[in-house]
């Protein structure tokens, strides 16, 4: 009888284990997680999601903050149960959406950034840990006057921790001018967040700007594009790319075409490479324009040239130990004329010889303007044009010898 009971218990355990839903946290789905997602420990990470088996215990933490549902607690222990979470201290069974923090654990803060001097503004993306220590995930060089990032920088180091030169952490400004700058910066962020969160408004503005020119957009529309893809980061850090300072205005066919292919190829290479062996720089250059009324009209959705659509969206992948780098440049202009392509492509492209550009090279879509004409440059040729990127920060030999064409 005891043996029979044991067998029945084991069978029932296996049935429960394999039929009860796992707890799955889809971090790449904004609607599937709280607006202020806590940090999670004890779950397996893969493909932009965290997964935990039924009965597994997890830790949730809000860094230096607290939970909305538990204002006195900065950390919780929970157990996965029927796809939901049993909070251990009060035995409440809650959906993940009920376990958000009062504010995001990620911060976009004014910060000292090397090679980003006045009038540009240095910023850092960081996450606050439970001991209130800031873990730097990326740096940003931002053009406050135009409301657009010049470049961003991150690495595939453990936990995406970016090693910075010795610096003082930015503290609250004490001067009247400092407080004014912070208020102006906050307004820029709010305006950008509204702009990037509403494609319908963005395109309504676009058509209003060109309605008297009777411009034919041929079904093209604008949307927002991330300069640093969320998939460049570990699953726990993917949401750090949601800041408005990481976004630019781009044509939808470009964003869903070659820019997506480039970012997927870069993220795949970052995942395959050894930890800490690769760094990514990403940014925007120039200003897109449309031919209307016999002239090229610059494309910016706010007054005084603010919130411009860049002409180029670029990514530089750098392998410091190997002294190799590659610049990938996407032309944000599906309307470019054949006669304009020679001037638009400012280097001899090497995309066809880069073995790790698997998605981009498939069907040679990188040569199609409607998907975003894409070309690959040596660092020297690239920085001859994109002078904002600090060439001294990336030490590689000139020419093809210094190009990162394979892993």
Protein backbone atom coordinates (compact mmCIF):
# COMPACT_ATOMS: atom_id res chain seq x y z
CA UNK A 1 0.00 0.00 0.00
CA UNK A 2 2.82 2.40 0.84
CA UNK A 3 4.48 1.65 -2.48
CA UNK A 4 1.20 2.29 -4.32
CA UNK A 5 0.72 5.62 -2.52
CA UNK A 6 4.26 6.64 -3.40
CA UNK A 7 3.75 5.76 -7.05
CA UNK A 8 0.45 7.71 -7.13
CA UNK A 9 2.15 10.72 -5.50
CA UNK A 10 4.99 10.70 -8.04
CA UNK A 11 2.53 10.39 -10.93
CA UNK A 12 0.35 13.21 -9.61
CA UNK A 13 3.44 15.38 -9.11
CA UNK A 14 4.58 14.82 -12.69
CA UNK A 15 1.09 15.44 -14.05
CA UNK A 16 0.82 18.70 -12.08
CA UNK A 17 4.33 19.73 -13.08
CA UNK A 18 3.78 19.22 -16.80
CA UNK A 19 0.19 20.48 -17.04
CA UNK A 20 0.33 23.51 -14.74
CA UNK A 21 1.39 26.60 -16.70
CA UNK A 22 4.84 28.03 -16.18
CA UNK A 23 5.34 31.62 -15.15
CA UNK A 24 6.58 33.45 -18.23
CA UNK A 25 7.56 37.11 -18.22
CA UNK A 26 7.72 38.53 -21.76
CA UNK A 27 9.99 41.52 -21.18
CA UNK A 28 9.83 42.60 -24.83
CA UNK A 29 6.02 42.99 -24.59
CA UNK A 30 5.17 46.33 -22.95
CA UNK A 31 1.53 45.32 -22.40
CA UNK A 32 2.53 42.05 -20.68
CA UNK A 33 4.51 43.53 -17.78
CA UNK A 34 3.99 46.37 -15.28
CA UNK A 35 4.97 49.86 -16.44
CA UNK A 36 7.65 49.81 -13.76
CA UNK A 37 8.86 46.22 -13.96
CA UNK A 38 10.83 44.97 -10.93
CA UNK A 39 14.12 43.11 -11.21
CA UNK A 40 13.70 39.32 -11.09
CA UNK A 41 16.06 36.72 -9.66
CA UNK A 42 15.72 32.95 -9.85
CA UNK A 43 14.22 32.71 -13.36
CA UNK A 44 15.79 31.39 -16.55
CA UNK A 45 16.35 33.97 -19.30
CA UNK A 46 15.99 33.25 -23.02
CA UNK A 47 14.70 35.01 -26.12
CA UNK A 48 13.57 38.19 -24.40
CA UNK A 49 11.62 36.36 -21.67
CA UNK A 50 12.08 35.01 -18.14
CA UNK A 51 10.60 31.60 -17.30
CA UNK A 52 10.04 29.78 -14.01
CA UNK A 53 8.61 26.31 -13.42
CA UNK A 54 5.55 25.77 -11.20
CA UNK A 55 6.63 25.86 -7.57
CA UNK A 56 9.82 27.81 -8.25
CA UNK A 57 10.57 30.69 -5.89
CA UNK A 58 11.60 34.04 -7.34
CA UNK A 59 12.88 37.29 -5.95
CA UNK A 60 11.41 40.62 -7.06
CA UNK A 61 13.17 43.90 -6.27
CA UNK A 62 12.47 47.59 -6.90
CA UNK A 63 16.03 48.77 -6.32
CA UNK A 64 15.86 51.88 -4.16
CA UNK A 65 12.07 52.14 -4.55
CA UNK A 66 9.03 50.17 -3.40
CA UNK A 67 6.11 48.20 -4.81
CA UNK A 68 2.79 49.82 -5.63
CA UNK A 69 0.88 47.07 -3.85
CA UNK A 70 3.36 46.96 -0.94
CA UNK A 71 4.57 50.53 -0.31
CA UNK A 72 6.69 49.48 2.66
CA UNK A 73 8.62 46.81 0.76
CA UNK A 74 11.46 47.15 -1.76
CA UNK A 75 11.77 43.37 -2.27
CA UNK A 76 9.42 40.39 -2.34
CA UNK A 77 9.68 36.61 -2.46
CA UNK A 78 7.08 34.92 -4.64
CA UNK A 79 6.31 31.37 -5.78
CA UNK A 80 5.15 30.48 -9.29
CA UNK A 81 1.67 29.01 -9.09
CA UNK A 82 -0.72 28.41 -12.01
CA UNK A 83 1.05 31.06 -14.09
CA UNK A 84 0.66 33.63 -11.32
CA UNK A 85 2.70 34.57 -8.27
CA UNK A 86 2.03 33.64 -4.64
CA UNK A 87 3.49 36.39 -2.44
CA UNK A 88 5.08 34.45 0.39
CA UNK A 89 4.71 36.90 3.25
CA UNK A 90 0.91 37.31 2.93
CA UNK A 91 0.00 34.31 0.70
CA UNK A 92 -1.80 36.54 -1.81
CA UNK A 93 -1.95 35.08 -5.35
CA UNK A 94 -1.29 37.95 -7.76
CA UNK A 95 -0.87 38.57 -11.47
CA UNK A 96 2.49 39.99 -12.53
CA UNK A 97 0.76 43.24 -13.52
CA UNK A 98 -0.14 43.75 -9.84
CA UNK A 99 3.50 43.54 -8.77
CA UNK A 100 4.93 46.67 -10.36
CA UNK A 101 7.19 49.18 -8.67
CA UNK A 102 6.16 52.71 -7.83
CA UNK A 103 8.69 53.99 -10.38
CA UNK A 104 11.03 52.49 -12.94
CA UNK A 105 14.22 50.87 -11.68
CA UNK A 106 15.91 52.36 -14.77
CA UNK A 107 17.05 55.96 -14.92
CA UNK A 108 18.04 58.32 -17.72
CA UNK A 109 20.15 60.87 -15.88
CA UNK A 110 22.42 63.81 -16.70
CA UNK A 111 25.95 62.48 -16.36
CA UNK A 112 29.58 63.11 -17.18
CA UNK A 113 30.34 61.39 -20.50
CA UNK A 114 33.74 61.22 -22.19
CA UNK A 115 34.01 62.87 -25.62
CA UNK A 116 30.66 64.62 -25.19
CA UNK A 117 31.35 68.24 -24.42
CA UNK A 118 29.29 71.43 -24.57
CA UNK A 119 26.95 72.21 -26.25
CA UNK A 120 26.10 68.49 -26.27
CA UNK A 121 24.68 66.93 -23.13
CA UNK A 122 26.07 63.80 -21.46
CA UNK A 123 23.59 61.30 -20.03
CA UNK A 124 23.66 57.77 -18.66
CA UNK A 125 21.20 54.90 -18.56
CA UNK A 126 21.51 53.15 -15.25
CA UNK A 127 19.67 50.80 -12.93
CA UNK A 128 19.46 51.21 -9.18
CA UNK A 129 20.28 48.04 -7.27
CA UNK A 130 18.95 47.14 -3.84
CA UNK A 131 22.01 48.68 -2.17
CA UNK A 132 21.25 51.95 -4.07
CA UNK A 133 24.42 51.52 -6.13
CA UNK A 134 24.01 52.63 -9.75
CA UNK A 135 24.88 50.10 -12.44
CA UNK A 136 25.67 51.97 -15.68
CA UNK A 137 24.22 50.26 -18.76
CA UNK A 138 24.82 52.87 -21.49
CA UNK A 139 25.99 56.41 -22.05
CA UNK A 140 24.34 58.97 -24.30
CA UNK A 141 25.61 62.08 -26.04
CA UNK A 142 22.49 64.15 -26.60
CA UNK A 143 21.81 67.27 -28.66
CA UNK A 144 19.36 69.14 -26.44
CA UNK A 145 18.85 71.94 -28.98
CA UNK A 146 17.59 69.51 -31.63
CA UNK A 147 16.10 66.95 -29.20
CA UNK A 148 17.98 63.99 -30.70
CA UNK A 149 20.77 61.66 -29.60
CA UNK A 150 24.09 62.08 -31.41
CA UNK A 151 25.34 58.70 -30.21
CA UNK A 152 24.86 56.04 -27.53
CA UNK A 153 27.34 53.48 -26.22
CA UNK A 154 26.89 50.05 -24.55
CA UNK A 155 28.69 46.71 -24.19
CA UNK A 156 27.96 42.99 -23.93
CA UNK A 157 29.80 42.75 -20.60
CA UNK A 158 28.32 40.78 -17.72
CA UNK A 159 24.98 42.37 -16.78
CA UNK A 160 25.77 44.96 -19.52
CA UNK A 161 27.82 46.86 -16.96
CA UNK A 162 29.60 49.65 -18.80
CA UNK A 163 32.99 50.53 -17.37
CA UNK A 164 33.36 54.31 -17.28
CA UNK A 165 36.35 56.53 -16.69
CA UNK A 166 36.65 57.90 -13.14
CA UNK A 167 33.88 60.45 -12.62
CA UNK A 168 31.64 62.09 -10.07
CA UNK A 169 28.07 60.84 -9.99
CA UNK A 170 25.77 63.69 -10.97
CA UNK A 171 24.13 65.27 -7.94
CA UNK A 172 21.17 67.61 -7.69
CA UNK A 173 21.99 71.05 -9.15
CA UNK A 174 22.46 73.82 -6.64
CA UNK A 175 22.44 76.84 -8.95
CA UNK A 176 19.53 78.70 -10.55
CA UNK A 177 20.99 77.91 -13.99
CA UNK A 178 21.34 74.23 -13.07
CA UNK A 179 17.73 74.02 -11.97
CA UNK A 180 16.61 75.75 -15.18
CA UNK A 181 18.57 73.26 -17.27
CA UNK A 182 16.93 70.37 -15.42
CA UNK A 183 13.45 71.81 -16.00
CA UNK A 184 14.21 72.34 -19.70
CA UNK A 185 15.54 68.77 -19.94
CA UNK A 186 12.37 67.39 -18.29
CA UNK A 187 10.17 69.27 -20.79
CA UNK A 188 12.18 67.91 -23.71
CA UNK A 189 11.68 64.38 -22.38
CA UNK A 190 7.92 64.81 -21.95
CA UNK A 191 7.53 66.29 -25.44
CA UNK A 192 9.60 63.47 -26.96
CA UNK A 193 7.69 60.77 -25.10
CA UNK A 194 4.39 62.14 -26.43
CA UNK A 195 5.75 62.36 -29.96
CA UNK A 196 7.22 58.84 -30.05
CA UNK A 197 4.20 57.18 -28.45
CA UNK A 198 1.67 58.33 -31.06
CA UNK A 199 2.34 57.35 -34.67
CA UNK A 200 -1.07 58.69 -35.76
CA UNK A 201 -0.25 62.18 -34.44
CA UNK A 202 3.24 62.00 -35.95
CA UNK A 203 1.87 61.25 -39.43
CA UNK A 204 -0.95 63.77 -39.10
CA UNK A 205 1.74 66.40 -38.48
CA UNK A 206 3.71 65.14 -41.49
CA UNK A 207 0.73 65.44 -43.85
CA UNK A 208 -0.15 68.86 -42.46
CA UNK A 209 3.37 70.10 -43.21
CA UNK A 210 3.17 69.05 -46.88
CA UNK A 211 -0.54 69.37 -47.66
CA UNK A 212 -0.10 72.44 -49.88
CA UNK A 213 2.57 70.64 -51.91
CA UNK A 214 0.18 67.77 -52.69
CA UNK A 215 3.01 65.41 -51.86
CA UNK A 216 2.48 61.72 -52.64
CA UNK A 217 3.81 59.57 -49.80
CA UNK A 218 3.01 56.37 -51.73
CA UNK A 219 1.76 54.66 -48.57
CA UNK A 220 4.90 55.51 -46.59
CA UNK A 221 4.52 56.57 -42.97
CA UNK A 222 6.71 57.67 -40.08
CA UNK A 223 7.28 55.83 -36.83
CA UNK A 224 9.84 55.80 -34.01
CA UNK A 225 13.02 53.74 -34.16
CA UNK A 226 15.35 52.69 -31.37
CA UNK A 227 19.03 53.41 -31.87
CA UNK A 228 20.05 50.73 -29.35
CA UNK A 229 17.85 47.67 -29.80
CA UNK A 230 16.38 46.12 -26.65
CA UNK A 231 17.89 42.79 -27.80
CA UNK A 232 21.41 44.17 -27.42
CA UNK A 233 20.89 43.90 -23.65
CA UNK A 234 20.35 41.04 -21.22
CA UNK A 235 16.69 40.18 -20.69
CA UNK A 236 16.64 41.95 -17.32
CA UNK A 237 17.83 45.18 -18.94
CA UNK A 238 15.78 45.24 -22.15
CA UNK A 239 13.43 47.98 -20.92
CA UNK A 240 16.28 50.46 -20.57
CA UNK A 241 15.97 51.10 -24.31
CA UNK A 242 12.45 52.53 -23.90
CA UNK A 243 13.72 56.02 -23.00
CA UNK A 244 12.78 58.70 -25.53
CA UNK A 245 16.44 59.75 -25.82
CA UNK A 246 17.11 56.37 -27.50
CA UNK A 247 14.55 57.01 -30.24
CA UNK A 248 14.47 58.85 -33.55
CA UNK A 249 11.88 59.46 -36.26
CA UNK A 250 12.23 57.14 -39.25
CA UNK A 251 10.25 55.83 -42.19
CA UNK A 252 8.34 52.68 -41.27
CA UNK A 253 9.59 50.64 -44.24
CA UNK A 254 13.17 51.42 -43.16
CA UNK A 255 12.50 50.53 -39.50
CA UNK A 256 10.79 47.26 -40.42
CA UNK A 257 13.28 46.58 -43.22
CA UNK A 258 17.04 46.93 -43.10
CA UNK A 259 17.27 48.66 -39.73
CA UNK A 260 15.57 45.62 -38.22
CA UNK A 261 17.91 43.29 -40.14
CA UNK A 262 20.98 45.20 -38.93
CA UNK A 263 19.83 45.16 -35.31
CA UNK A 264 18.99 41.46 -35.40
CA UNK A 265 22.41 40.63 -36.84
CA UNK A 266 24.17 42.81 -34.25
CA UNK A 267 22.16 41.32 -31.36
CA UNK A 268 22.92 37.77 -32.59
CA UNK A 269 26.64 38.57 -32.70
CA UNK A 270 26.55 40.11 -29.22
CA UNK A 271 24.88 36.94 -27.90
CA UNK A 272 27.44 34.61 -29.53
CA UNK A 273 30.54 36.57 -28.57
CA UNK A 274 32.39 36.24 -25.27
CA UNK A 275 31.21 38.49 -22.47
CA UNK A 276 32.87 41.90 -22.55
CA UNK A 277 34.39 41.35 -26.01
CA UNK A 278 32.13 43.72 -27.97
CA UNK A 279 30.98 47.32 -27.69
CA UNK A 280 28.23 49.03 -29.65
CA UNK A 281 27.98 52.68 -30.64
CA UNK A 282 24.75 53.80 -32.30
CA UNK A 283 23.55 57.18 -33.47
CA UNK A 284 21.93 59.46 -36.02
CA UNK A 285 23.43 61.81 -38.57
CA UNK A 286 22.13 64.59 -40.79
CA UNK A 287 18.52 65.46 -41.53
CA UNK A 288 16.12 63.74 -43.88
CA UNK A 289 14.39 65.90 -46.48
CA UNK A 290 11.62 65.58 -49.03
CA UNK A 291 11.57 67.06 -52.52
CA UNK A 292 8.60 69.45 -52.57
CA UNK A 293 7.94 72.68 -54.48
CA UNK A 294 11.16 72.34 -56.44
CA UNK A 295 13.35 72.18 -53.32
CA UNK A 296 14.38 69.72 -50.61
CA UNK A 297 12.42 70.48 -47.45
CA UNK A 298 14.06 69.34 -44.16
CA UNK A 299 11.90 66.95 -42.17
CA UNK A 300 11.46 67.98 -38.53
CA UNK A 301 8.20 67.59 -36.62
CA UNK A 302 8.69 70.41 -34.13
CA UNK A 303 9.52 74.08 -34.58
CA UNK A 304 13.05 75.44 -34.91
CA UNK A 305 14.29 72.16 -36.39
CA UNK A 306 13.61 70.14 -33.25
CA UNK A 307 12.78 66.42 -33.41
CA UNK A 308 14.31 65.94 -36.86
CA UNK A 309 14.14 62.73 -38.84
CA UNK A 310 17.84 61.87 -39.38
CA UNK A 311 19.17 61.14 -42.85
CA UNK A 312 21.28 58.26 -41.54
CA UNK A 313 20.85 55.82 -38.66
CA UNK A 314 24.16 54.12 -37.92
CA UNK A 315 25.68 51.39 -35.74
CA UNK A 316 29.35 50.73 -35.04
CA UNK A 317 30.34 47.35 -33.62
CA UNK A 318 33.77 47.33 -31.96
CA UNK A 319 35.88 44.37 -30.76
CA UNK A 320 38.56 46.11 -28.62
CA UNK A 321 40.77 43.04 -27.96
CA UNK A 322 40.89 42.19 -31.65
CA UNK A 323 41.21 45.84 -32.72
CA UNK A 324 38.44 45.44 -35.26
CA UNK A 325 35.33 47.53 -35.92
CA UNK A 326 32.61 47.91 -38.53
CA UNK A 327 30.24 50.78 -39.24
CA UNK A 328 26.78 49.94 -40.62
CA UNK A 329 24.86 52.88 -42.05
CA UNK A 330 21.15 52.83 -42.96
CA UNK A 331 19.86 55.59 -45.25
CA UNK A 332 16.55 56.81 -43.82
CA UNK A 333 15.13 57.79 -47.21
CA UNK A 334 12.90 55.40 -49.17
CA UNK A 335 12.36 58.17 -51.76
CA UNK A 336 16.03 58.58 -52.69
CA UNK A 337 16.51 58.94 -56.45
CA UNK A 338 18.92 56.75 -58.39
CA UNK A 339 20.89 59.87 -59.30
CA UNK A 340 21.34 60.69 -55.59
CA UNK A 341 22.62 57.30 -54.41
CA UNK A 342 26.27 57.94 -55.34
CA UNK A 343 26.38 61.02 -53.08
CA UNK A 344 24.37 59.34 -50.31
CA UNK A 345 26.73 56.34 -49.95
CA UNK A 346 29.88 57.93 -48.54
CA UNK A 347 32.17 54.87 -48.45
CA UNK A 348 32.97 51.79 -50.51
CA UNK A 349 30.57 49.30 -48.97
CA UNK A 350 31.87 45.97 -47.65
CA UNK A 351 28.50 44.50 -46.58
CA UNK A 352 28.81 41.65 -49.09
CA UNK A 353 31.95 40.34 -47.35
CA UNK A 354 30.71 40.49 -43.73
CA UNK A 355 29.90 36.90 -42.80
CA UNK A 356 27.86 37.66 -39.67
CA UNK A 357 25.35 39.93 -41.50
CA UNK A 358 23.06 36.98 -42.19
CA UNK A 359 19.66 38.69 -42.17
CA UNK A 360 20.87 41.83 -43.90
CA UNK A 361 22.55 39.95 -46.76
CA UNK A 362 19.62 37.61 -47.36
CA UNK A 363 18.07 38.41 -50.78
CA UNK A 364 20.39 41.48 -50.98
CA UNK A 365 17.70 43.74 -49.51
CA UNK A 366 20.45 46.01 -48.21
CA UNK A 367 20.70 47.41 -51.74
CA UNK A 368 17.01 48.46 -51.80
CA UNK A 369 16.20 52.09 -50.84
CA UNK A 370 12.61 51.26 -49.82
CA UNK A 371 14.00 49.02 -47.05
CA UNK A 372 16.66 51.57 -46.16
CA UNK A 373 19.75 51.45 -48.39
CA UNK A 374 22.53 50.07 -46.16
CA UNK A 375 26.31 50.20 -46.54
CA UNK A 376 29.25 49.03 -44.44
CA UNK A 377 32.33 51.21 -43.86
CA UNK A 378 35.74 51.00 -42.29
CA UNK A 379 35.97 53.11 -39.16
CA UNK A 380 38.34 55.64 -40.79
CA UNK A 381 36.04 56.24 -43.75
CA UNK A 382 33.04 56.45 -41.46
CA UNK A 383 34.50 58.96 -39.00
CA UNK A 384 35.73 61.14 -41.88
CA UNK A 385 32.02 61.93 -42.35
CA UNK A 386 30.44 61.19 -38.96
CA UNK A 387 32.80 63.38 -36.99
CA UNK A 388 30.64 63.24 -33.84
CA UNK A 389 31.89 59.72 -33.08
CA UNK A 390 35.16 60.06 -31.14
CA UNK A 391 37.70 58.26 -33.35
CA UNK A 392 40.20 58.19 -30.48
CA UNK A 393 37.83 56.01 -28.44
CA UNK A 394 38.03 53.20 -31.02
CA UNK A 395 41.56 52.03 -31.76
CA UNK A 396 41.66 49.95 -34.97
CA UNK A 397 44.01 49.76 -37.98
CA UNK A 398 43.01 51.69 -41.09
CA UNK A 399 41.35 50.03 -44.07
CA UNK A 400 40.01 46.49 -44.39
CA UNK A 401 42.59 45.16 -41.93
CA UNK A 402 40.67 46.87 -39.15
CA UNK A 403 37.17 45.79 -40.29
CA UNK A 404 35.13 43.33 -38.23
CA UNK A 405 34.04 41.06 -41.08
CA UNK A 406 33.88 37.83 -39.04
CA UNK A 407 33.51 36.81 -35.39
